[in-house]
Each structure stands twice: as structure tokens, then as C-alpha cells.
Amino acid sequence: MKYKILFTVLICLYSIQLFSQEPSKKMMELKEICLSLRDNIGSDDILYQTNKRFKDFRNKNSFTSDLSPLNFNIVSGEENLLPLDNHIIFIPEYFDELLKNDGSFKKAEELMREWEEMNNVSRRGSSGYVFYQHNFVLKKHSSMVFEVQVPSGPVDFMVVSEPNSLTTMHIYDIVNKEYYNELDSDKEGRKYRHRTMRMRSPSKLKITIYNRSAKDASMVFFYF
């Protein structure tokens, strides 16, 4: 009986360790950059220096918006998506133009198309580690749900909202029928949400991203 209890405790501890990993250093560095950009619109000196960090980070890491290798499928909420124009998008080229135009630059859709063309994984190969990035705008008080295939091992997810907006991210493991949410704050909006997990085996996750704001807001989703 004693050994059975000990075995059960060890299994529980293993499960806690498995799904409560320390955040990856790379994703935490990216989070700091995005939050600094988000929170310093209008402070040109800080914005310039942070965007320089952003460019350096991108030069050292691979990025793509080509989510097809992940079988990224929107399963609901597509009607809540809006054009990117007049919203902030988290790519260095956007902040370059924002600084040049004294905050009046509005061509987010055009910039995003150019960035996607330059960073298409099928054009430059997909070897090594890649940050997958998806920029979108959600209507106020709405959500989008998508499914994504993930391998075994560590995975990192993060969503960051534009200034004066808040977001929430819920994750459900379809294969293992498990929820991975911050249960004490499921409905509380924050300027970003991050989750690091270590998957026991390949799986399919359902990820729900909410706009918890009383305004339409752009979001950026990263998977690493």
C-alpha cells in the first residue's frame, strides 16, 4: 500500500513538472521586446531603441507567418476578424514607419503582406528553430478559436495585444482531453498571455484567444 501511494505521488509530481515548465529564454526576450514596443508608443527614443533590439532578435532567429506546417486551422470566430489597417502590428518595419510618420502610418495590411512574402518558410526552408507568428484584429468582446498540431517536447505560446486592450488565451488538448489554463484568472484580461508546456507525445491543441476590451484590437500570436 505504501509503495502504491508513493508511486501515485511520483506520477503526480511528474505530471506537474511536465506541464509547468519554466518559460523559454527566447520567448521571454521576445515578450520583453513586444511589451516595450506596446507600452512606449509616442516615446520615440525608447521606441527606436526597442525596435533596434527587435531587429537584432529577428536577425538571430527565424520567423515566419506561414503556419501551414502546423496545420493551423481556424475553427470558429472567423467572422470576428477585421483588417489590420489602423492597428499596430508587431514587425520592425511597422515601427520604422510609425517613427517616420509621427504615429500616423496606416498601411498595416500592405506592410504585413510584404513581411509575409519575405519570411515565407517555403521560400527559405524550414530547418532549425522557427518562431511562427500570426497577426490579426479581433472585434471588441469577441474571440477566435484555432487548432494547431504540436510535436512531443517543449512548446511555447504567447499572445500580445495592442495598447489599451487586453487578451486571454485558453488551451485545450484535444487528444488527451486536458485544459491548460490559468484557472485563477480565466476571464481576466491582460496585455499578454504566455504558456510553456512539455508535451508527452504529438497532439492537437485547440487555442482560444479572446479580446477582453471594449474596442477592436490587434493581437500577435507566437508559437515556438
C-alpha atoms as a PDB file:
ATOM      1  CA  MET A   1       0.000   0.000   0.000  1.00  0.00           C
ATOM      2  CA  LYS A   2       2.864   2.328   0.964  1.00  0.00           C
ATOM      3  CA  TYR A   3       4.578   1.773  -2.416  1.00  0.00           C
ATOM      4  CA  LYS A   4       1.318   2.318  -4.260  1.00  0.00           C
ATOM      5  CA  ILE A   5       0.844   5.710  -2.577  1.00  0.00           C
ATOM      6  CA  LEU A   6       4.471   6.639  -3.283  1.00  0.00           C
ATOM      7  CA  PHE A   7       4.063   5.675  -6.946  1.00  0.00           C
ATOM      8  CA  THR A   8       0.899   7.812  -7.210  1.00  0.00           C
ATOM      9  CA  VAL A   9       2.695  10.805  -5.664  1.00  0.00           C
ATOM     10  CA  LEU A  10       5.618  10.416  -8.078  1.00  0.00           C
ATOM     11  CA  ILE A  11       3.257  10.293 -11.054  1.00  0.00           C
ATOM     12  CA  CYS A  12       1.523  13.480  -9.860  1.00  0.00           C
ATOM     13  CA  LEU A  13       4.852  15.257  -9.396  1.00  0.00           C
ATOM     14  CA  TYR A  14       5.960  14.151 -12.859  1.00  0.00           C
ATOM     15  CA  SER A  15       2.737  15.495 -14.377  1.00  0.00           C
ATOM     16  CA  ILE A  16       3.145  18.836 -12.604  1.00  0.00           C
ATOM     17  CA  GLN A  17       6.726  19.112 -13.869  1.00  0.00           C
ATOM     18  CA  LEU A  18       5.654  18.074 -17.364  1.00  0.00           C
ATOM     19  CA  PHE A  19       3.138  20.859 -17.796  1.00  0.00           C
ATOM     20  CA  SER A  20       4.659  23.568 -15.567  1.00  0.00           C
ATOM     21  CA  GLN A  21       7.912  24.211 -17.375  1.00  0.00           C
ATOM     22  CA  GLU A  22       9.982  27.326 -16.911  1.00  0.00           C
ATOM     23  CA  PRO A  23       9.321  29.834 -19.728  1.00  0.00           C
ATOM     24  CA  SER A  24      11.866  29.642 -22.541  1.00  0.00           C
ATOM     25  CA  LYS A  25      14.536  32.349 -22.551  1.00  0.00           C
ATOM     26  CA  LYS A  26      13.892  33.151 -26.204  1.00  0.00           C
ATOM     27  CA  MET A  27      10.154  33.680 -25.723  1.00  0.00           C
ATOM     28  CA  MET A  28      10.751  35.779 -22.607  1.00  0.00           C
ATOM     29  CA  GLU A  29      13.155  38.019 -24.517  1.00  0.00           C
ATOM     30  CA  LEU A  30      10.581  38.392 -27.281  1.00  0.00           C
ATOM     31  CA  LYS A  31       7.892  39.165 -24.686  1.00  0.00           C
ATOM     32  CA  GLU A  32      10.009  41.975 -23.168  1.00  0.00           C
ATOM     33  CA  ILE A  33      10.587  43.478 -26.623  1.00  0.00           C
ATOM     34  CA  CYS A  34       6.911  43.355 -27.624  1.00  0.00           C
ATOM     35  CA  LEU A  35       5.708  44.821 -24.314  1.00  0.00           C
ATOM     36  CA  SER A  36       8.250  47.633 -24.521  1.00  0.00           C
ATOM     37  CA  LEU A  37       7.076  48.452 -28.067  1.00  0.00           C
ATOM     38  CA  ARG A  38       3.444  48.216 -26.944  1.00  0.00           C
ATOM     39  CA  ASP A  39       3.864  50.419 -23.883  1.00  0.00           C
ATOM     40  CA  ASN A  40       6.067  53.139 -25.407  1.00  0.00           C
ATOM     41  CA  ILE A  41       4.097  54.333 -28.420  1.00  0.00           C
ATOM     42  CA  GLY A  42       4.740  58.069 -28.502  1.00  0.00           C
ATOM     43  CA  SER A  43       8.121  57.812 -26.735  1.00  0.00           C
ATOM     44  CA  ASP A  44      10.247  57.921 -29.863  1.00  0.00           C
ATOM     45  CA  ASP A  45      13.668  57.386 -28.247  1.00  0.00           C
ATOM     46  CA  ILE A  46      12.556  54.267 -26.354  1.00  0.00           C
ATOM     47  CA  LEU A  47      10.625  53.018 -29.374  1.00  0.00           C
ATOM     48  CA  TYR A  48      13.674  53.441 -31.613  1.00  0.00           C
ATOM     49  CA  GLN A  49      15.989  51.587 -29.225  1.00  0.00           C
ATOM     50  CA  THR A  50      13.483  48.776 -28.609  1.00  0.00           C
ATOM     51  CA  ASN A  51      12.825  48.343 -32.318  1.00  0.00           C
ATOM     52  CA  LYS A  52      16.582  48.061 -32.823  1.00  0.00           C
ATOM     53  CA  ARG A  53      16.524  45.209 -30.279  1.00  0.00           C
ATOM     54  CA  PHE A  54      13.614  43.694 -32.194  1.00  0.00           C
ATOM     55  CA  LYS A  55      15.605  43.743 -35.450  1.00  0.00           C
ATOM     56  CA  ASP A  56      18.637  42.169 -33.754  1.00  0.00           C
ATOM     57  CA  PHE A  57      16.436  39.448 -32.270  1.00  0.00           C
ATOM     58  CA  ARG A  58      14.916  38.698 -35.671  1.00  0.00           C
ATOM     59  CA  ASN A  59      18.332  38.566 -37.306  1.00  0.00           C
ATOM     60  CA  LYS A  60      19.394  35.908 -34.788  1.00  0.00           C
ATOM     61  CA  ASN A  61      16.176  33.860 -35.046  1.00  0.00           C
ATOM     62  CA  SER A  62      13.946  32.621 -37.855  1.00  0.00           C
ATOM     63  CA  PHE A  63      10.395  33.982 -38.172  1.00  0.00           C
ATOM     64  CA  THR A  64       7.537  33.114 -40.481  1.00  0.00           C
ATOM     65  CA  SER A  65       3.818  33.733 -40.781  1.00  0.00           C
ATOM     66  CA  ASP A  66       3.475  30.568 -42.887  1.00  0.00           C
ATOM     67  CA  LEU A  67       1.503  28.430 -40.426  1.00  0.00           C
ATOM     68  CA  SER A  68       0.704  25.627 -42.878  1.00  0.00           C
ATOM     69  CA  PRO A  69       3.351  23.224 -41.467  1.00  0.00           C
ATOM     70  CA  LEU A  70       1.423  23.388 -38.180  1.00  0.00           C
ATOM     71  CA  ASN A  71      -1.968  22.634 -39.770  1.00  0.00           C
ATOM     72  CA  PHE A  72      -3.193  25.923 -38.342  1.00  0.00           C
ATOM     73  CA  ASN A  73      -6.978  25.870 -38.813  1.00  0.00           C
ATOM     74  CA  ILE A  74      -9.442  28.491 -37.632  1.00  0.00           C
ATOM     75  CA  VAL A  75     -12.453  26.539 -36.362  1.00  0.00           C
ATOM     76  CA  SER A  76     -14.642  29.404 -35.138  1.00  0.00           C
ATOM     77  CA  GLY A  77     -14.649  33.168 -34.790  1.00  0.00           C
ATOM     78  CA  GLU A  78     -13.536  33.988 -38.331  1.00  0.00           C
ATOM     79  CA  GLU A  79     -16.444  36.458 -38.522  1.00  0.00           C
ATOM     80  CA  ASN A  80     -14.800  38.372 -35.648  1.00  0.00           C
ATOM     81  CA  LEU A  81     -11.636  39.132 -37.631  1.00  0.00           C
ATOM     82  CA  LEU A  82     -11.076  42.625 -39.056  1.00  0.00           C
ATOM     83  CA  PRO A  83      -8.449  44.237 -41.370  1.00  0.00           C
ATOM     84  CA  LEU A  84      -5.096  45.175 -39.852  1.00  0.00           C
ATOM     85  CA  ASP A  85      -5.106  48.776 -41.121  1.00  0.00           C
ATOM     86  CA  ASN A  86      -5.162  51.426 -38.372  1.00  0.00           C
ATOM     87  CA  HIS A  87      -3.885  48.898 -35.846  1.00  0.00           C
ATOM     88  CA  ILE A  88      -0.415  48.092 -34.512  1.00  0.00           C
ATOM     89  CA  ILE A  89       1.367  45.041 -35.902  1.00  0.00           C
ATOM     90  CA  PHE A  90       4.459  43.617 -34.246  1.00  0.00           C
ATOM     91  CA  ILE A  91       7.021  43.656 -37.038  1.00  0.00           C
ATOM     92  CA  PRO A  92      10.058  46.012 -37.113  1.00  0.00           C
ATOM     93  CA  GLU A  93       9.006  47.571 -40.429  1.00  0.00           C
ATOM     94  CA  TYR A  94       5.782  48.816 -38.880  1.00  0.00           C
ATOM     95  CA  PHE A  95       7.603  50.647 -36.079  1.00  0.00           C
ATOM     96  CA  ASP A  96      10.116  52.089 -38.582  1.00  0.00           C
ATOM     97  CA  GLU A  97       7.220  53.661 -40.470  1.00  0.00           C
ATOM     98  CA  LEU A  98       5.484  54.715 -37.263  1.00  0.00           C
ATOM     99  CA  LEU A  99       8.581  56.649 -36.229  1.00  0.00           C
ATOM    100  CA  LYS A 100       8.975  58.228 -39.685  1.00  0.00           C
ATOM    101  CA  ASN A 101       5.353  59.329 -39.889  1.00  0.00           C
ATOM    102  CA  ASP A 102       4.938  60.664 -36.357  1.00  0.00           C
ATOM    103  CA  GLY A 103       2.436  57.957 -35.466  1.00  0.00           C
ATOM    104  CA  SER A 104       0.188  58.494 -38.474  1.00  0.00           C
ATOM    105  CA  PHE A 105       1.152  55.449 -40.576  1.00  0.00           C
ATOM    106  CA  LYS A 106      -1.905  53.368 -41.504  1.00  0.00           C
ATOM    107  CA  LYS A 107      -0.772  50.805 -44.111  1.00  0.00           C
ATOM    108  CA  ALA A 108      -0.538  47.788 -41.822  1.00  0.00           C
ATOM    109  CA  GLU A 109      -2.057  45.379 -44.368  1.00  0.00           C
ATOM    110  CA  GLU A 110       0.492  46.352 -47.018  1.00  0.00           C
ATOM    111  CA  LEU A 111       3.419  46.031 -44.604  1.00  0.00           C
ATOM    112  CA  MET A 112       2.179  42.666 -43.407  1.00  0.00           C
ATOM    113  CA  ARG A 113       1.888  41.304 -46.958  1.00  0.00           C
ATOM    114  CA  GLU A 114       5.463  42.400 -47.716  1.00  0.00           C
ATOM    115  CA  TRP A 115       6.736  40.866 -44.479  1.00  0.00           C
ATOM    116  CA  GLU A 116       4.918  37.567 -45.147  1.00  0.00           C
ATOM    117  CA  GLU A 117       6.388  37.367 -48.639  1.00  0.00           C
ATOM    118  CA  MET A 118       9.912  37.908 -47.318  1.00  0.00           C
ATOM    119  CA  ASN A 119       9.513  35.440 -44.448  1.00  0.00           C
ATOM    120  CA  ASN A 120       7.637  32.601 -46.113  1.00  0.00           C
ATOM    121  CA  VAL A 121       9.065  29.346 -44.762  1.00  0.00           C
ATOM    122  CA  SER A 122       8.545  27.557 -48.094  1.00  0.00           C
ATOM    123  CA  ARG A 123      10.859  30.057 -49.811  1.00  0.00           C
ATOM    124  CA  ARG A 124      13.767  29.974 -47.385  1.00  0.00           C
ATOM    125  CA  GLY A 125      13.479  26.445 -45.981  1.00  0.00           C
ATOM    126  CA  SER A 126      12.314  25.399 -42.532  1.00  0.00           C
ATOM    127  CA  SER A 127      15.439  23.940 -40.939  1.00  0.00           C
ATOM    128  CA  GLY A 128      16.239  24.841 -37.343  1.00  0.00           C
ATOM    129  CA  TYR A 129      14.042  26.610 -34.798  1.00  0.00           C
ATOM    130  CA  VAL A 130      11.348  28.904 -36.143  1.00  0.00           C
ATOM    131  CA  PHE A 131       9.034  31.405 -34.478  1.00  0.00           C
ATOM    132  CA  TYR A 132       5.614  31.149 -36.106  1.00  0.00           C
ATOM    133  CA  GLN A 133       3.780  34.462 -35.979  1.00  0.00           C
ATOM    134  CA  HIS A 134       0.182  35.380 -36.747  1.00  0.00           C
ATOM    135  CA  ASN A 135      -1.086  38.988 -36.640  1.00  0.00           C
ATOM    136  CA  PHE A 136      -4.827  39.638 -36.573  1.00  0.00           C
ATOM    137  CA  VAL A 137      -7.500  42.034 -35.334  1.00  0.00           C
ATOM    138  CA  LEU A 138     -10.437  40.899 -33.204  1.00  0.00           C
ATOM    139  CA  LYS A 139     -13.706  42.748 -32.713  1.00  0.00           C
ATOM    140  CA  LYS A 140     -14.362  44.031 -29.213  1.00  0.00           C
ATOM    141  CA  HIS A 141     -15.558  41.407 -26.690  1.00  0.00           C
ATOM    142  CA  SER A 142     -15.034  38.568 -29.189  1.00  0.00           C
ATOM    143  CA  SER A 143     -12.805  35.536 -29.671  1.00  0.00           C
ATOM    144  CA  MET A 144     -11.146  33.310 -32.274  1.00  0.00           C
ATOM    145  CA  VAL A 145     -10.567  29.556 -31.943  1.00  0.00           C
ATOM    146  CA  PHE A 146      -7.967  27.636 -33.932  1.00  0.00           C
ATOM    147  CA  GLU A 147      -6.398  24.196 -33.861  1.00  0.00           C
ATOM    148  CA  VAL A 148      -2.696  23.519 -34.200  1.00  0.00           C
ATOM    149  CA  GLN A 149      -0.645  20.321 -34.434  1.00  0.00           C
ATOM    150  CA  VAL A 150       2.229  20.160 -31.923  1.00  0.00           C
ATOM    151  CA  PRO A 151       5.114  17.679 -31.590  1.00  0.00           C
ATOM    152  CA  SER A 152       6.234  15.965 -28.402  1.00  0.00           C
ATOM    153  CA  GLY A 153       8.579  18.012 -26.242  1.00  0.00           C
ATOM    154  CA  PRO A 154       8.551  21.687 -25.207  1.00  0.00           C
ATOM    155  CA  VAL A 155       6.221  24.191 -26.864  1.00  0.00           C
ATOM    156  CA  ASP A 156       5.774  27.906 -26.197  1.00  0.00           C
ATOM    157  CA  PHE A 157       2.703  30.025 -26.971  1.00  0.00           C
ATOM    158  CA  MET A 158       2.278  33.758 -26.465  1.00  0.00           C
ATOM    159  CA  VAL A 159      -0.278  36.378 -27.432  1.00  0.00           C
ATOM    160  CA  VAL A 160       0.277  40.140 -27.034  1.00  0.00           C
ATOM    161  CA  SER A 161      -2.439  42.759 -27.512  1.00  0.00           C
ATOM    162  CA  GLU A 162      -2.008  46.297 -28.816  1.00  0.00           C
ATOM    163  CA  PRO A 163      -2.059  49.288 -26.401  1.00  0.00           C
ATOM    164  CA  ASN A 164      -5.246  49.958 -24.403  1.00  0.00           C
ATOM    165  CA  SER A 165      -6.524  46.413 -24.955  1.00  0.00           C
ATOM    166  CA  LEU A 166      -6.466  43.132 -23.028  1.00  0.00           C
ATOM    167  CA  THR A 167      -6.439  39.485 -24.029  1.00  0.00           C
ATOM    168  CA  THR A 168      -6.888  35.967 -22.656  1.00  0.00           C
ATOM    169  CA  MET A 169      -5.658  32.643 -24.078  1.00  0.00           C
ATOM    170  CA  HIS A 170      -7.186  29.230 -23.308  1.00  0.00           C
ATOM    171  CA  ILE A 171      -5.585  25.957 -24.411  1.00  0.00           C
ATOM    172  CA  TYR A 172      -7.287  22.573 -24.683  1.00  0.00           C
ATOM    173  CA  ASP A 173      -5.504  19.324 -25.608  1.00  0.00           C
ATOM    174  CA  ILE A 174      -7.953  17.579 -27.944  1.00  0.00           C
ATOM    175  CA  VAL A 175      -6.113  14.243 -27.922  1.00  0.00           C
ATOM    176  CA  ASN A 176      -5.586  13.966 -24.147  1.00  0.00           C
ATOM    177  CA  LYS A 177      -8.752  15.896 -23.225  1.00  0.00           C
ATOM    178  CA  GLU A 178      -6.961  18.286 -20.867  1.00  0.00           C
ATOM    179  CA  TYR A 179      -7.291  22.029 -20.250  1.00  0.00           C
ATOM    180  CA  TYR A 180      -4.174  24.129 -19.654  1.00  0.00           C
ATOM    181  CA  ASN A 181      -5.456  27.438 -18.323  1.00  0.00           C
ATOM    182  CA  GLU A 182      -4.522  29.781 -15.510  1.00  0.00           C
ATOM    183  CA  LEU A 183      -7.614  28.841 -13.525  1.00  0.00           C
ATOM    184  CA  ASP A 184      -7.417  31.759 -11.091  1.00  0.00           C
ATOM    185  CA  SER A 185      -7.735  34.278 -13.908  1.00  0.00           C
ATOM    186  CA  ASP A 186      -9.502  32.561 -16.804  1.00  0.00           C
ATOM    187  CA  LYS A 187     -11.681  35.574 -17.569  1.00  0.00           C
ATOM    188  CA  GLU A 188      -9.274  38.314 -16.555  1.00  0.00           C
ATOM    189  CA  GLY A 189      -7.806  40.242 -19.460  1.00  0.00           C
ATOM    190  CA  ARG A 190      -4.111  41.060 -19.569  1.00  0.00           C
ATOM    191  CA  LYS A 191      -1.847  42.782 -22.056  1.00  0.00           C
ATOM    192  CA  TYR A 192      -0.190  39.456 -22.828  1.00  0.00           C
ATOM    193  CA  ARG A 193      -0.597  35.752 -22.102  1.00  0.00           C
ATOM    194  CA  HIS A 194       2.156  33.146 -22.233  1.00  0.00           C
ATOM    195  CA  ARG A 195       2.203  29.387 -21.778  1.00  0.00           C
ATOM    196  CA  THR A 196       5.151  26.967 -21.826  1.00  0.00           C
ATOM    197  CA  MET A 197       4.314  23.260 -21.975  1.00  0.00           C
ATOM    198  CA  ARG A 198       6.152  19.968 -22.463  1.00  0.00           C
ATOM    199  CA  MET A 199       4.048  17.528 -24.441  1.00  0.00           C
ATOM    200  CA  ARG A 200       4.284  13.816 -23.656  1.00  0.00           C
ATOM    201  CA  SER A 201       3.502  12.942 -27.291  1.00  0.00           C
ATOM    202  CA  PRO A 202       2.419  14.683 -30.511  1.00  0.00           C
ATOM    203  CA  SER A 203      -1.041  16.176 -30.128  1.00  0.00           C
ATOM    204  CA  LYS A 204      -3.577  18.656 -31.449  1.00  0.00           C
ATOM    205  CA  LEU A 205      -4.383  21.725 -29.366  1.00  0.00           C
ATOM    206  CA  LYS A 206      -7.399  23.980 -29.536  1.00  0.00           C
ATOM    207  CA  ILE A 207      -6.390  27.542 -28.685  1.00  0.00           C
ATOM    208  CA  THR A 208      -8.939  30.256 -27.953  1.00  0.00           C
ATOM    209  CA  ILE A 209      -7.835  33.889 -27.951  1.00  0.00           C
ATOM    210  CA  TYR A 210     -10.189  36.500 -26.508  1.00  0.00           C
ATOM    211  CA  ASN A 211     -10.309  40.263 -26.940  1.00  0.00           C
ATOM    212  CA  ARG A 212     -11.353  41.359 -23.435  1.00  0.00           C
ATOM    213  CA  SER A 213     -11.581  45.002 -24.482  1.00  0.00           C
ATOM    214  CA  ALA A 214     -14.393  47.423 -25.282  1.00  0.00           C
ATOM    215  CA  LYS A 215     -12.656  48.219 -28.581  1.00  0.00           C
ATOM    216  CA  ASP A 216     -11.465  46.335 -31.652  1.00  0.00           C
ATOM    217  CA  ALA A 217      -7.851  45.338 -31.078  1.00  0.00           C
ATOM    218  CA  SER A 218      -4.915  43.789 -32.890  1.00  0.00           C
ATOM    219  CA  MET A 219      -3.174  40.770 -31.426  1.00  0.00           C
ATOM    220  CA  VAL A 220       0.019  38.922 -32.289  1.00  0.00           C
ATOM    221  CA  PHE A 221       0.278  35.197 -31.626  1.00  0.00           C
ATOM    222  CA  PHE A 222       3.686  33.497 -31.405  1.00  0.00           C
ATOM    223  CA  TYR A 223       4.441  29.773 -31.348  1.00  0.00           C
ATOM    224  CA  PHE A 224       7.958  28.486 -30.747  1.00  0.00           C
END
